[in-house]
Amino acid sequence: MAASGSCQHDFKLLKSDTTLILWNCHMCHSGPHWYIYECSKCKLKTCQPCTYKA
Protein backbone atom coordinates (compact mmCIF):
# COMPACT_ATOMS: atom_id res chain seq x y z
CA MET A 1 0.00 0.00 0.00
CA ALA A 2 1.47 3.33 -1.01
CA ALA A 3 1.38 6.30 1.30
CA SER A 4 -0.97 9.07 0.31
CA GLY A 5 0.93 12.19 -0.68
CA SER A 6 -1.67 14.52 0.80
CA CYS A 7 -2.17 12.81 4.17
CA GLN A 8 -0.88 14.50 7.31
CA HIS A 9 -0.23 11.22 9.12
CA ASP A 10 -1.44 10.77 12.69
CA PHE A 11 0.04 7.45 13.86
CA LYS A 12 -1.47 5.35 16.65
CA LEU A 13 0.18 2.26 18.13
CA LEU A 14 -1.55 -1.08 17.57
CA LYS A 15 -0.43 -4.00 19.75
CA SER A 16 -1.14 -7.71 19.37
CA ASP A 17 -1.81 -9.80 22.47
CA THR A 18 -1.76 -13.03 20.47
CA THR A 19 0.46 -14.80 17.95
CA LEU A 20 -2.46 -14.96 15.52
CA ILE A 21 -2.35 -11.26 14.62
CA LEU A 22 0.98 -9.94 13.36
CA TRP A 23 1.69 -7.13 10.90
CA ASN A 24 4.15 -6.31 8.11
CA CYS A 25 5.29 -2.76 7.39
CA HIS A 26 3.66 -1.26 4.28
CA MET A 27 6.76 0.81 3.49
CA CYS A 28 9.80 -1.45 4.01
CA HIS A 29 7.92 -4.79 4.15
CA SER A 30 9.68 -5.86 7.36
CA GLY A 31 7.92 -8.12 9.78
CA PRO A 32 6.11 -9.84 11.24
CA HIS A 33 5.75 -7.31 14.06
CA TRP A 34 3.93 -7.70 17.40
CA TYR A 35 3.09 -4.00 17.25
CA ILE A 36 2.74 -1.55 14.36
CA TYR A 37 1.91 2.14 13.88
CA GLU A 38 -1.27 2.88 11.91
CA CYS A 39 -2.30 6.25 10.50
CA SER A 40 -5.79 7.01 11.78
CA LYS A 41 -6.58 8.89 8.55
CA CYS A 42 -5.27 6.75 5.65
CA LYS A 43 -4.70 3.41 7.51
CA LEU A 44 -1.02 3.21 6.48
CA LYS A 45 0.74 0.67 8.70
CA THR A 46 4.46 1.22 9.38
CA CYS A 47 7.18 -0.08 11.66
CA GLN A 48 8.77 2.34 14.12
CA PRO A 49 11.73 3.40 11.89
CA CYS A 50 9.40 4.05 8.91
CA THR A 51 7.03 6.10 11.08
CA TYR A 52 9.67 8.83 11.20
CA LYS A 53 10.21 8.65 7.41
CA ALA A 54 6.51 8.96 6.48
PDB file of N, CA and C in Angstrom:
ATOM      1  N   MET A   1       0.854  -1.166   0.000  1.00  0.00           N
ATOM      2  CA  MET A   1       0.000   0.000   0.000  1.00  0.00           C
ATOM      3  C   MET A   1       0.901   1.230   0.000  1.00  0.00           C
ATOM      4  N   ALA A   2       0.678   2.111  -0.913  1.00  0.00           N
ATOM      5  CA  ALA A   2       1.469   3.327  -1.008  1.00  0.00           C
ATOM      6  C   ALA A   2       0.910   4.404  -0.085  1.00  0.00           C
ATOM      7  N   ALA A   3       1.796   5.215   0.422  1.00  0.00           N
ATOM      8  CA  ALA A   3       1.379   6.303   1.298  1.00  0.00           C
ATOM      9  C   ALA A   3       0.759   7.419   0.471  1.00  0.00           C
ATOM     10  N   SER A   4      -0.305   7.958   0.979  1.00  0.00           N
ATOM     11  CA  SER A   4      -0.967   9.066   0.312  1.00  0.00           C
ATOM     12  C   SER A   4      -0.108  10.313   0.425  1.00  0.00           C
ATOM     13  N   GLY A   5       0.098  11.007  -0.679  1.00  0.00           N
ATOM     14  CA  GLY A   5       0.934  12.189  -0.680  1.00  0.00           C
ATOM     15  C   GLY A   5       0.309  13.369   0.041  1.00  0.00           C
ATOM     16  N   SER A   6      -1.003  13.390   0.192  1.00  0.00           N
ATOM     17  CA  SER A   6      -1.672  14.524   0.801  1.00  0.00           C
ATOM     18  C   SER A   6      -2.058  14.293   2.262  1.00  0.00           C
ATOM     19  N   CYS A   7      -1.767  13.118   2.803  1.00  0.00           N
ATOM     20  CA  CYS A   7      -2.175  12.812   4.173  1.00  0.00           C
ATOM     21  C   CYS A   7      -1.178  13.385   5.180  1.00  0.00           C
ATOM     22  N   GLN A   8      -1.693  14.064   6.176  1.00  0.00           N
ATOM     23  CA  GLN A   8      -0.883  14.502   7.315  1.00  0.00           C
ATOM     24  C   GLN A   8      -1.022  13.408   8.368  1.00  0.00           C
ATOM     25  N   HIS A   9      -0.095  12.439   8.329  1.00  0.00           N
ATOM     26  CA  HIS A   9      -0.231  11.223   9.123  1.00  0.00           C
ATOM     27  C   HIS A   9      -0.345  11.503  10.620  1.00  0.00           C
ATOM     28  N   ASP A  10      -1.226  10.744  11.248  1.00  0.00           N
ATOM     29  CA  ASP A  10      -1.444  10.766  12.692  1.00  0.00           C
ATOM     30  C   ASP A  10      -1.381   9.317  13.161  1.00  0.00           C
ATOM     31  N   PHE A  11      -0.174   8.856  13.553  1.00  0.00           N
ATOM     32  CA  PHE A  11       0.043   7.452  13.857  1.00  0.00           C
ATOM     33  C   PHE A  11      -0.395   7.091  15.268  1.00  0.00           C
ATOM     34  N   LYS A  12      -1.057   5.944  15.373  1.00  0.00           N
ATOM     35  CA  LYS A  12      -1.469   5.354  16.648  1.00  0.00           C
ATOM     36  C   LYS A  12      -0.846   3.970  16.728  1.00  0.00           C
ATOM     37  N   LEU A  13      -0.443   3.548  17.918  1.00  0.00           N
ATOM     38  CA  LEU A  13       0.178   2.258  18.126  1.00  0.00           C
ATOM     39  C   LEU A  13      -0.877   1.165  18.249  1.00  0.00           C
ATOM     40  N   LEU A  14      -0.701   0.100  17.461  1.00  0.00           N
ATOM     41  CA  LEU A  14      -1.550  -1.085  17.567  1.00  0.00           C
ATOM     42  C   LEU A  14      -0.692  -2.218  18.117  1.00  0.00           C
ATOM     43  N   LYS A  15      -1.174  -2.900  19.147  1.00  0.00           N
ATOM     44  CA  LYS A  15      -0.434  -4.004  19.754  1.00  0.00           C
ATOM     45  C   LYS A  15      -1.233  -5.285  19.613  1.00  0.00           C
ATOM     46  N   SER A  16      -0.513  -6.396  19.443  1.00  0.00           N
ATOM     47  CA  SER A  16      -1.139  -7.708  19.375  1.00  0.00           C
ATOM     48  C   SER A  16      -0.877  -8.454  20.674  1.00  0.00           C
ATOM     49  N   ASP A  17      -1.928  -9.007  21.250  1.00  0.00           N
ATOM     50  CA  ASP A  17      -1.810  -9.799  22.472  1.00  0.00           C
ATOM     51  C   ASP A  17      -1.743 -11.289  22.168  1.00  0.00           C
ATOM     52  N   THR A  18      -1.747 -11.639  20.882  1.00  0.00           N
ATOM     53  CA  THR A  18      -1.761 -13.030  20.474  1.00  0.00           C
ATOM     54  C   THR A  18      -0.781 -13.244  19.328  1.00  0.00           C
ATOM     55  N   THR A  19      -0.423 -14.498  19.076  1.00  0.00           N
ATOM     56  CA  THR A  19       0.459 -14.803  17.952  1.00  0.00           C
ATOM     57  C   THR A  19      -0.321 -14.934  16.650  1.00  0.00           C
ATOM     58  N   LEU A  20      -1.634 -14.825  16.715  1.00  0.00           N
ATOM     59  CA  LEU A  20      -2.460 -14.958  15.521  1.00  0.00           C
ATOM     60  C   LEU A  20      -2.502 -13.681  14.694  1.00  0.00           C
ATOM     61  N   ILE A  21      -2.297 -12.534  15.333  1.00  0.00           N
ATOM     62  CA  ILE A  21      -2.350 -11.255  14.620  1.00  0.00           C
ATOM     63  C   ILE A  21      -0.967 -10.613  14.668  1.00  0.00           C
ATOM     64  N   LEU A  22      -0.316 -10.593  13.519  1.00  0.00           N
ATOM     65  CA  LEU A  22       0.985  -9.941  13.355  1.00  0.00           C
ATOM     66  C   LEU A  22       0.915  -9.096  12.097  1.00  0.00           C
ATOM     67  N   TRP A  23       1.747  -8.060  12.023  1.00  0.00           N
ATOM     68  CA  TRP A  23       1.690  -7.132  10.898  1.00  0.00           C
ATOM     69  C   TRP A  23       3.029  -7.055  10.179  1.00  0.00           C
ATOM     70  N   ASN A  24       2.974  -6.652   8.897  1.00  0.00           N
ATOM     71  CA  ASN A  24       4.149  -6.312   8.106  1.00  0.00           C
ATOM     72  C   ASN A  24       4.070  -4.828   7.779  1.00  0.00           C
ATOM     73  N   CYS A  25       5.219  -4.187   7.714  1.00  0.00           N
ATOM     74  CA  CYS A  25       5.289  -2.761   7.391  1.00  0.00           C
ATOM     75  C   CYS A  25       4.905  -2.552   5.925  1.00  0.00           C
ATOM     76  N   HIS A  26       4.071  -1.565   5.647  1.00  0.00           N
ATOM     77  CA  HIS A  26       3.658  -1.261   4.281  1.00  0.00           C
ATOM     78  C   HIS A  26       4.727  -0.509   3.506  1.00  0.00           C
ATOM     79  N   MET A  27       5.721   0.043   4.188  1.00  0.00           N
ATOM     80  CA  MET A  27       6.756   0.806   3.488  1.00  0.00           C
ATOM     81  C   MET A  27       8.007  -0.027   3.193  1.00  0.00           C
ATOM     82  N   CYS A  28       8.558  -0.695   4.206  1.00  0.00           N
ATOM     83  CA  CYS A  28       9.804  -1.454   4.010  1.00  0.00           C
ATOM     84  C   CYS A  28       9.569  -2.963   3.976  1.00  0.00           C
ATOM     85  N   HIS A  29       8.335  -3.388   4.206  1.00  0.00           N
ATOM     86  CA  HIS A  29       7.921  -4.792   4.153  1.00  0.00           C
ATOM     87  C   HIS A  29       8.613  -5.666   5.195  1.00  0.00           C
ATOM     88  N   SER A  30       9.087  -5.068   6.281  1.00  0.00           N
ATOM     89  CA  SER A  30       9.680  -5.856   7.360  1.00  0.00           C
ATOM     90  C   SER A  30       8.566  -6.481   8.185  1.00  0.00           C
ATOM     91  N   GLY A  31       8.907  -7.500   8.925  1.00  0.00           N
ATOM     92  CA  GLY A  31       7.919  -8.124   9.781  1.00  0.00           C
ATOM     93  C   GLY A  31       8.132  -9.610   9.837  1.00  0.00           C
ATOM     94  N   PRO A  32       7.318 -10.299  10.546  1.00  0.00           N
ATOM     95  CA  PRO A  32       6.105  -9.840  11.240  1.00  0.00           C
ATOM     96  C   PRO A  32       6.421  -9.108  12.538  1.00  0.00           C
ATOM     97  N   HIS A  33       5.595  -8.130  12.868  1.00  0.00           N
ATOM     98  CA  HIS A  33       5.755  -7.307  14.064  1.00  0.00           C
ATOM     99  C   HIS A  33       4.611  -7.575  15.042  1.00  0.00           C
ATOM    100  N   TRP A  34       4.938  -7.562  16.343  1.00  0.00           N
ATOM    101  CA  TRP A  34       3.935  -7.697  17.404  1.00  0.00           C
ATOM    102  C   TRP A  34       3.158  -6.399  17.593  1.00  0.00           C
ATOM    103  N   TYR A  35       3.774  -5.285  17.189  1.00  0.00           N
ATOM    104  CA  TYR A  35       3.088  -3.997  17.246  1.00  0.00           C
ATOM    105  C   TYR A  35       3.434  -3.222  15.987  1.00  0.00           C
ATOM    106  N   ILE A  36       2.554  -2.324  15.589  1.00  0.00           N
ATOM    107  CA  ILE A  36       2.736  -1.545  14.362  1.00  0.00           C
ATOM    108  C   ILE A  36       2.072  -0.186  14.577  1.00  0.00           C
ATOM    109  N   TYR A  37       2.505   0.801  13.832  1.00  0.00           N
ATOM    110  CA  TYR A  37       1.909   2.136  13.880  1.00  0.00           C
ATOM    111  C   TYR A  37       0.974   2.292  12.684  1.00  0.00           C
ATOM    112  N   GLU A  38      -0.278   2.714  12.959  1.00  0.00           N
ATOM    113  CA  GLU A  38      -1.273   2.878  11.911  1.00  0.00           C
ATOM    114  C   GLU A  38      -1.745   4.324  11.871  1.00  0.00           C
ATOM    115  N   CYS A  39      -1.773   4.895  10.674  1.00  0.00           N
ATOM    116  CA  CYS A  39      -2.303   6.245  10.500  1.00  0.00           C
ATOM    117  C   CYS A  39      -3.815   6.187  10.663  1.00  0.00           C
ATOM    118  N   SER A  40      -4.352   7.017  11.534  1.00  0.00           N
ATOM    119  CA  SER A  40      -5.793   7.011  11.779  1.00  0.00           C
ATOM    120  C   SER A  40      -6.575   7.604  10.613  1.00  0.00           C
ATOM    121  N   LYS A  41      -5.899   8.265   9.682  1.00  0.00           N
ATOM    122  CA  LYS A  41      -6.580   8.891   8.552  1.00  0.00           C
ATOM    123  C   LYS A  41      -6.562   8.011   7.299  1.00  0.00           C
ATOM    124  N   CYS A  42      -5.371   7.514   6.902  1.00  0.00           N
ATOM    125  CA  CYS A  42      -5.270   6.753   5.647  1.00  0.00           C
ATOM    126  C   CYS A  42      -5.001   5.268   5.865  1.00  0.00           C
ATOM    127  N   LYS A  43      -4.887   4.822   7.141  1.00  0.00           N
ATOM    128  CA  LYS A  43      -4.701   3.410   7.506  1.00  0.00           C
ATOM    129  C   LYS A  43      -3.362   2.835   7.058  1.00  0.00           C
ATOM    130  N   LEU A  44      -2.361   3.670   6.801  1.00  0.00           N
ATOM    131  CA  LEU A  44      -1.016   3.214   6.483  1.00  0.00           C
ATOM    132  C   LEU A  44      -0.416   2.578   7.726  1.00  0.00           C
ATOM    133  N   LYS A  45       0.129   1.375   7.578  1.00  0.00           N
ATOM    134  CA  LYS A  45       0.743   0.668   8.701  1.00  0.00           C
ATOM    135  C   LYS A  45       2.245   0.633   8.505  1.00  0.00           C
ATOM    136  N   THR A  46       3.002   1.162   9.493  1.00  0.00           N
ATOM    137  CA  THR A  46       4.456   1.218   9.378  1.00  0.00           C
ATOM    138  C   THR A  46       5.121   0.745  10.655  1.00  0.00           C
ATOM    139  N   CYS A  47       6.371   0.262  10.499  1.00  0.00           N
ATOM    140  CA  CYS A  47       7.183  -0.076  11.662  1.00  0.00           C
ATOM    141  C   CYS A  47       7.698   1.226  12.286  1.00  0.00           C
ATOM    142  N   GLN A  48       8.338   1.125  13.436  1.00  0.00           N
ATOM    143  CA  GLN A  48       8.772   2.338  14.120  1.00  0.00           C
ATOM    144  C   GLN A  48       9.766   3.172  13.301  1.00  0.00           C
ATOM    145  N   PRO A  49      10.813   2.567  12.678  1.00  0.00           N
ATOM    146  CA  PRO A  49      11.731   3.399  11.886  1.00  0.00           C
ATOM    147  C   PRO A  49      11.042   4.103  10.708  1.00  0.00           C
ATOM    148  N   CYS A  50      10.100   3.434  10.046  1.00  0.00           N
ATOM    149  CA  CYS A  50       9.405   4.046   8.914  1.00  0.00           C
ATOM    150  C   CYS A  50       8.398   5.102   9.334  1.00  0.00           C
ATOM    151  N   THR A  51       7.961   5.074  10.581  1.00  0.00           N
ATOM    152  CA  THR A  51       7.033   6.095  11.083  1.00  0.00           C
ATOM    153  C   THR A  51       7.672   7.473  11.000  1.00  0.00           C
ATOM    154  N   TYR A  52       8.973   7.544  11.262  1.00  0.00           N
ATOM    155  CA  TYR A  52       9.672   8.828  11.202  1.00  0.00           C
ATOM    156  C   TYR A  52       9.957   9.266   9.769  1.00  0.00           C
ATOM    157  N   LYS A  53       9.961   8.333   8.821  1.00  0.00           N
ATOM    158  CA  LYS A  53      10.208   8.650   7.412  1.00  0.00           C
ATOM    159  C   LYS A  53       8.950   9.113   6.695  1.00  0.00           C
ATOM    160  N   ALA A  54       7.783   8.682   7.187  1.00  0.00           N
ATOM    161  CA  ALA A  54       6.515   8.963   6.477  1.00  0.00           C
ATOM    162  C   ALA A  54       6.112  10.410   6.602  1.00  0.00           C
TER     163      ALA A  54
END
